[in-house]
Amino acid sequence: MVNRFNVSPIKRPASLDLDSSEVLALIGDASRFFVYADEAFAELATLFRSIQSLSDDPEAVRGLAAVGLRIASDRGGEFEDIAADYGAEVERHG
């Protein structure tokens, strides 16, 4: 992946045992990276799916949904399916 904006790569989780603050920090890292480099989408989507599978924490799922929905609104229809997945997770967790 090309890093035209000299942004640090997204840090992948070292283990599958994350608390909600670690999950939310990863979401923040991923969203900031995405803002600067459209090429990061594939890695971002992979990271979101990893985080989503790691956490049953409703707060973390809502954070994922918010970022996914923001990406969809910022980038247009091509990300609507991703946003819909996160929206469904928010509904599932109430």
N, C-alpha and C. Protein backbone atom coordinates (compact mmCIF):
# COMPACT_ATOMS: atom_id res chain seq x y z
N MET A 1 0.84 -1.18 0.00
CA MET A 1 0.00 0.00 0.00
C MET A 1 0.88 1.24 0.00
N VAL A 2 0.54 2.20 -0.83
CA VAL A 2 1.28 3.45 -0.93
C VAL A 2 0.89 4.34 0.24
N ASN A 3 1.87 4.96 0.85
CA ASN A 3 1.63 5.86 1.97
C ASN A 3 2.08 7.26 1.55
N ARG A 4 1.28 7.90 0.73
CA ARG A 4 1.66 9.19 0.16
C ARG A 4 1.72 10.31 1.18
N PHE A 5 1.09 10.15 2.29
CA PHE A 5 0.97 11.24 3.25
C PHE A 5 1.84 11.07 4.48
N ASN A 6 2.73 10.07 4.45
CA ASN A 6 3.65 9.84 5.55
C ASN A 6 2.93 9.69 6.88
N VAL A 7 1.88 8.90 6.88
CA VAL A 7 1.10 8.62 8.08
C VAL A 7 1.54 7.26 8.61
N SER A 8 1.67 7.15 9.91
CA SER A 8 2.07 5.87 10.49
C SER A 8 1.05 4.79 10.15
N PRO A 9 1.52 3.58 9.87
CA PRO A 9 0.58 2.48 9.59
C PRO A 9 -0.28 2.17 10.80
N ILE A 10 -1.42 1.58 10.54
CA ILE A 10 -2.31 1.16 11.62
C ILE A 10 -1.63 0.04 12.40
N LYS A 11 -1.68 0.14 13.71
CA LYS A 11 -1.10 -0.92 14.55
C LYS A 11 -2.12 -2.04 14.71
N ARG A 12 -1.70 -3.24 14.39
CA ARG A 12 -2.58 -4.39 14.55
C ARG A 12 -2.53 -4.86 16.01
N PRO A 13 -3.65 -5.41 16.50
CA PRO A 13 -3.66 -5.88 17.88
C PRO A 13 -2.62 -6.98 18.10
N ALA A 14 -1.95 -6.94 19.24
CA ALA A 14 -0.95 -7.95 19.56
C ALA A 14 -1.60 -9.25 20.01
N SER A 15 -2.81 -9.13 20.55
CA SER A 15 -3.52 -10.34 20.99
C SER A 15 -5.01 -10.13 20.75
N LEU A 16 -5.76 -11.18 20.96
CA LEU A 16 -7.20 -11.10 20.79
C LEU A 16 -7.91 -10.64 22.06
N ASP A 17 -7.16 -10.43 23.13
CA ASP A 17 -7.74 -10.06 24.41
C ASP A 17 -7.65 -8.55 24.60
N LEU A 18 -8.64 -7.83 24.07
CA LEU A 18 -8.64 -6.37 24.12
C LEU A 18 -9.78 -5.88 25.01
N ASP A 19 -9.52 -4.83 25.79
CA ASP A 19 -10.63 -4.22 26.50
C ASP A 19 -11.22 -3.11 25.63
N SER A 20 -12.33 -2.52 26.05
CA SER A 20 -13.03 -1.57 25.19
C SER A 20 -12.19 -0.34 24.88
N SER A 21 -11.35 0.11 25.82
CA SER A 21 -10.53 1.29 25.54
C SER A 21 -9.50 1.00 24.45
N GLU A 22 -8.95 -0.22 24.45
CA GLU A 22 -8.00 -0.60 23.40
C GLU A 22 -8.69 -0.71 22.05
N VAL A 23 -9.90 -1.24 22.04
CA VAL A 23 -10.67 -1.35 20.80
C VAL A 23 -10.96 0.05 20.26
N LEU A 24 -11.41 0.93 21.13
CA LEU A 24 -11.73 2.29 20.68
C LEU A 24 -10.48 3.04 20.21
N ALA A 25 -9.34 2.79 20.84
CA ALA A 25 -8.09 3.42 20.38
C ALA A 25 -7.73 2.93 18.99
N LEU A 26 -7.91 1.65 18.73
CA LEU A 26 -7.64 1.12 17.39
C LEU A 26 -8.59 1.73 16.36
N ILE A 27 -9.84 1.91 16.74
CA ILE A 27 -10.80 2.54 15.83
C ILE A 27 -10.33 3.96 15.50
N GLY A 28 -9.90 4.69 16.52
CA GLY A 28 -9.42 6.06 16.29
C GLY A 28 -8.21 6.09 15.38
N ASP A 29 -7.25 5.18 15.60
CA ASP A 29 -6.07 5.10 14.74
C ASP A 29 -6.47 4.84 13.30
N ALA A 30 -7.38 3.89 13.13
CA ALA A 30 -7.80 3.51 11.78
C ALA A 30 -8.52 4.66 11.09
N SER A 31 -9.39 5.35 11.80
CA SER A 31 -10.15 6.42 11.16
C SER A 31 -9.25 7.59 10.78
N ARG A 32 -8.27 7.93 11.64
CA ARG A 32 -7.34 9.00 11.29
C ARG A 32 -6.50 8.62 10.08
N PHE A 33 -6.06 7.37 10.03
CA PHE A 33 -5.26 6.92 8.89
C PHE A 33 -6.08 7.02 7.61
N PHE A 34 -7.33 6.61 7.68
CA PHE A 34 -8.18 6.60 6.49
C PHE A 34 -8.38 8.01 5.93
N VAL A 35 -8.52 8.98 6.81
CA VAL A 35 -8.73 10.35 6.37
C VAL A 35 -7.61 10.81 5.44
N TYR A 36 -6.39 10.36 5.70
CA TYR A 36 -5.23 10.82 4.93
C TYR A 36 -4.87 9.95 3.73
N ALA A 37 -5.33 8.73 3.69
CA ALA A 37 -4.89 7.84 2.62
C ALA A 37 -6.02 6.92 2.18
N ASP A 38 -6.63 7.23 1.04
CA ASP A 38 -7.71 6.40 0.55
C ASP A 38 -7.26 4.96 0.33
N GLU A 39 -5.98 4.77 0.04
CA GLU A 39 -5.46 3.43 -0.20
C GLU A 39 -5.56 2.56 1.06
N ALA A 40 -5.79 3.18 2.18
CA ALA A 40 -5.87 2.43 3.44
C ALA A 40 -7.18 1.69 3.59
N PHE A 41 -8.14 1.87 2.67
CA PHE A 41 -9.47 1.30 2.89
C PHE A 41 -9.43 -0.21 3.10
N ALA A 42 -8.68 -0.93 2.27
CA ALA A 42 -8.67 -2.39 2.40
C ALA A 42 -8.15 -2.80 3.78
N GLU A 43 -7.07 -2.16 4.22
CA GLU A 43 -6.52 -2.49 5.54
C GLU A 43 -7.48 -2.05 6.64
N LEU A 44 -8.10 -0.90 6.46
CA LEU A 44 -9.06 -0.40 7.44
C LEU A 44 -10.23 -1.36 7.58
N ALA A 45 -10.78 -1.81 6.45
CA ALA A 45 -11.91 -2.73 6.49
C ALA A 45 -11.53 -4.02 7.20
N THR A 46 -10.32 -4.51 6.91
CA THR A 46 -9.84 -5.73 7.57
C THR A 46 -9.71 -5.51 9.07
N LEU A 47 -9.16 -4.37 9.45
CA LEU A 47 -9.00 -4.07 10.87
C LEU A 47 -10.36 -3.96 11.55
N PHE A 48 -11.32 -3.29 10.92
CA PHE A 48 -12.66 -3.18 11.50
C PHE A 48 -13.26 -4.56 11.72
N ARG A 49 -13.14 -5.41 10.71
CA ARG A 49 -13.72 -6.75 10.84
C ARG A 49 -13.04 -7.53 11.97
N SER A 50 -11.73 -7.35 12.10
CA SER A 50 -11.00 -8.02 13.18
C SER A 50 -11.48 -7.53 14.53
N ILE A 51 -11.57 -6.22 14.67
CA ILE A 51 -12.00 -5.64 15.94
C ILE A 51 -13.43 -6.09 16.25
N GLN A 52 -14.28 -6.06 15.23
CA GLN A 52 -15.67 -6.43 15.42
C GLN A 52 -15.77 -7.88 15.91
N SER A 53 -14.94 -8.75 15.37
CA SER A 53 -14.98 -10.15 15.79
C SER A 53 -14.36 -10.36 17.17
N LEU A 54 -13.56 -9.40 17.62
CA LEU A 54 -12.89 -9.54 18.91
C LEU A 54 -13.73 -9.05 20.08
N SER A 55 -14.71 -8.22 19.81
CA SER A 55 -15.35 -7.52 20.91
C SER A 55 -16.86 -7.68 20.90
N ASP A 56 -17.41 -8.07 22.05
CA ASP A 56 -18.86 -8.07 22.25
C ASP A 56 -19.28 -6.84 23.05
N ASP A 57 -18.37 -5.89 23.18
CA ASP A 57 -18.61 -4.67 23.95
C ASP A 57 -19.49 -3.72 23.13
N PRO A 58 -20.71 -3.43 23.58
CA PRO A 58 -21.60 -2.57 22.80
C PRO A 58 -21.00 -1.19 22.51
N GLU A 59 -20.22 -0.65 23.45
CA GLU A 59 -19.59 0.66 23.23
C GLU A 59 -18.62 0.60 22.05
N ALA A 60 -17.86 -0.48 21.97
CA ALA A 60 -16.91 -0.63 20.86
C ALA A 60 -17.65 -0.82 19.56
N VAL A 61 -18.73 -1.59 19.58
CA VAL A 61 -19.50 -1.81 18.36
C VAL A 61 -20.11 -0.50 17.88
N ARG A 62 -20.61 0.31 18.81
CA ARG A 62 -21.16 1.62 18.42
C ARG A 62 -20.07 2.50 17.82
N GLY A 63 -18.86 2.42 18.37
CA GLY A 63 -17.74 3.17 17.81
C GLY A 63 -17.44 2.73 16.39
N LEU A 64 -17.45 1.44 16.16
CA LEU A 64 -17.25 0.91 14.80
C LEU A 64 -18.34 1.41 13.86
N ALA A 65 -19.57 1.38 14.33
CA ALA A 65 -20.68 1.83 13.50
C ALA A 65 -20.53 3.30 13.15
N ALA A 66 -20.16 4.12 14.12
CA ALA A 66 -20.02 5.56 13.87
C ALA A 66 -18.96 5.82 12.81
N VAL A 67 -17.82 5.13 12.93
CA VAL A 67 -16.76 5.33 11.94
C VAL A 67 -17.20 4.83 10.58
N GLY A 68 -17.83 3.66 10.54
CA GLY A 68 -18.31 3.13 9.26
C GLY A 68 -19.31 4.05 8.60
N LEU A 69 -20.22 4.59 9.37
CA LEU A 69 -21.23 5.51 8.81
C LEU A 69 -20.58 6.80 8.34
N ARG A 70 -19.58 7.28 9.08
CA ARG A 70 -18.88 8.50 8.66
C ARG A 70 -18.14 8.28 7.34
N ILE A 71 -17.50 7.12 7.23
CA ILE A 71 -16.81 6.81 5.98
C ILE A 71 -17.81 6.78 4.83
N ALA A 72 -18.95 6.15 5.06
CA ALA A 72 -19.97 6.07 4.00
C ALA A 72 -20.42 7.46 3.59
N SER A 73 -20.65 8.35 4.55
CA SER A 73 -21.13 9.68 4.20
C SER A 73 -20.04 10.52 3.55
N ASP A 74 -18.79 10.32 3.98
CA ASP A 74 -17.68 11.09 3.40
C ASP A 74 -17.33 10.63 2.00
N ARG A 75 -17.42 9.34 1.76
CA ARG A 75 -16.91 8.78 0.51
C ARG A 75 -17.98 8.36 -0.47
N GLY A 76 -19.24 8.41 -0.07
CA GLY A 76 -20.30 8.08 -1.02
C GLY A 76 -20.71 6.62 -0.97
N GLY A 77 -21.50 6.23 -1.96
CA GLY A 77 -22.19 4.95 -1.97
C GLY A 77 -21.31 3.72 -1.92
N GLU A 78 -20.05 3.82 -2.34
CA GLU A 78 -19.26 2.60 -2.39
C GLU A 78 -19.02 1.98 -1.02
N PHE A 79 -19.23 2.74 0.05
CA PHE A 79 -19.00 2.19 1.38
C PHE A 79 -20.31 1.92 2.13
N GLU A 80 -21.44 2.03 1.45
CA GLU A 80 -22.71 1.85 2.13
C GLU A 80 -22.86 0.45 2.73
N ASP A 81 -22.32 -0.57 2.05
CA ASP A 81 -22.44 -1.93 2.59
C ASP A 81 -21.67 -2.07 3.89
N ILE A 82 -20.50 -1.44 3.99
CA ILE A 82 -19.73 -1.48 5.23
C ILE A 82 -20.51 -0.78 6.34
N ALA A 83 -21.03 0.40 6.04
CA ALA A 83 -21.78 1.15 7.04
C ALA A 83 -23.01 0.37 7.49
N ALA A 84 -23.67 -0.30 6.55
CA ALA A 84 -24.86 -1.08 6.90
C ALA A 84 -24.51 -2.21 7.86
N ASP A 85 -23.35 -2.84 7.65
CA ASP A 85 -22.91 -3.90 8.56
C ASP A 85 -22.77 -3.37 9.98
N TYR A 86 -22.14 -2.20 10.13
CA TYR A 86 -21.94 -1.64 11.46
C TYR A 86 -23.26 -1.16 12.06
N GLY A 87 -24.12 -0.60 11.20
CA GLY A 87 -25.45 -0.19 11.68
C GLY A 87 -26.22 -1.38 12.23
N ALA A 88 -26.13 -2.51 11.54
CA ALA A 88 -26.81 -3.73 12.00
C ALA A 88 -26.25 -4.19 13.34
N GLU A 89 -24.94 -4.04 13.52
CA GLU A 89 -24.33 -4.42 14.80
C GLU A 89 -24.84 -3.53 15.94
N VAL A 90 -24.98 -2.24 15.65
CA VAL A 90 -25.51 -1.34 16.67
C VAL A 90 -26.91 -1.77 17.07
N GLU A 91 -27.75 -2.07 16.07
CA GLU A 91 -29.11 -2.51 16.36
C GLU A 91 -29.11 -3.80 17.17
N ARG A 92 -28.23 -4.72 16.80
CA ARG A 92 -28.16 -6.02 17.47
C ARG A 92 -27.79 -5.86 18.95
N HIS A 93 -26.92 -4.89 19.23
CA HIS A 93 -26.46 -4.69 20.61
C HIS A 93 -27.32 -3.68 21.37
N GLY A 94 -28.31 -3.10 20.69
CA GLY A 94 -29.22 -2.18 21.35
C GLY A 94 -28.57 -0.88 21.63
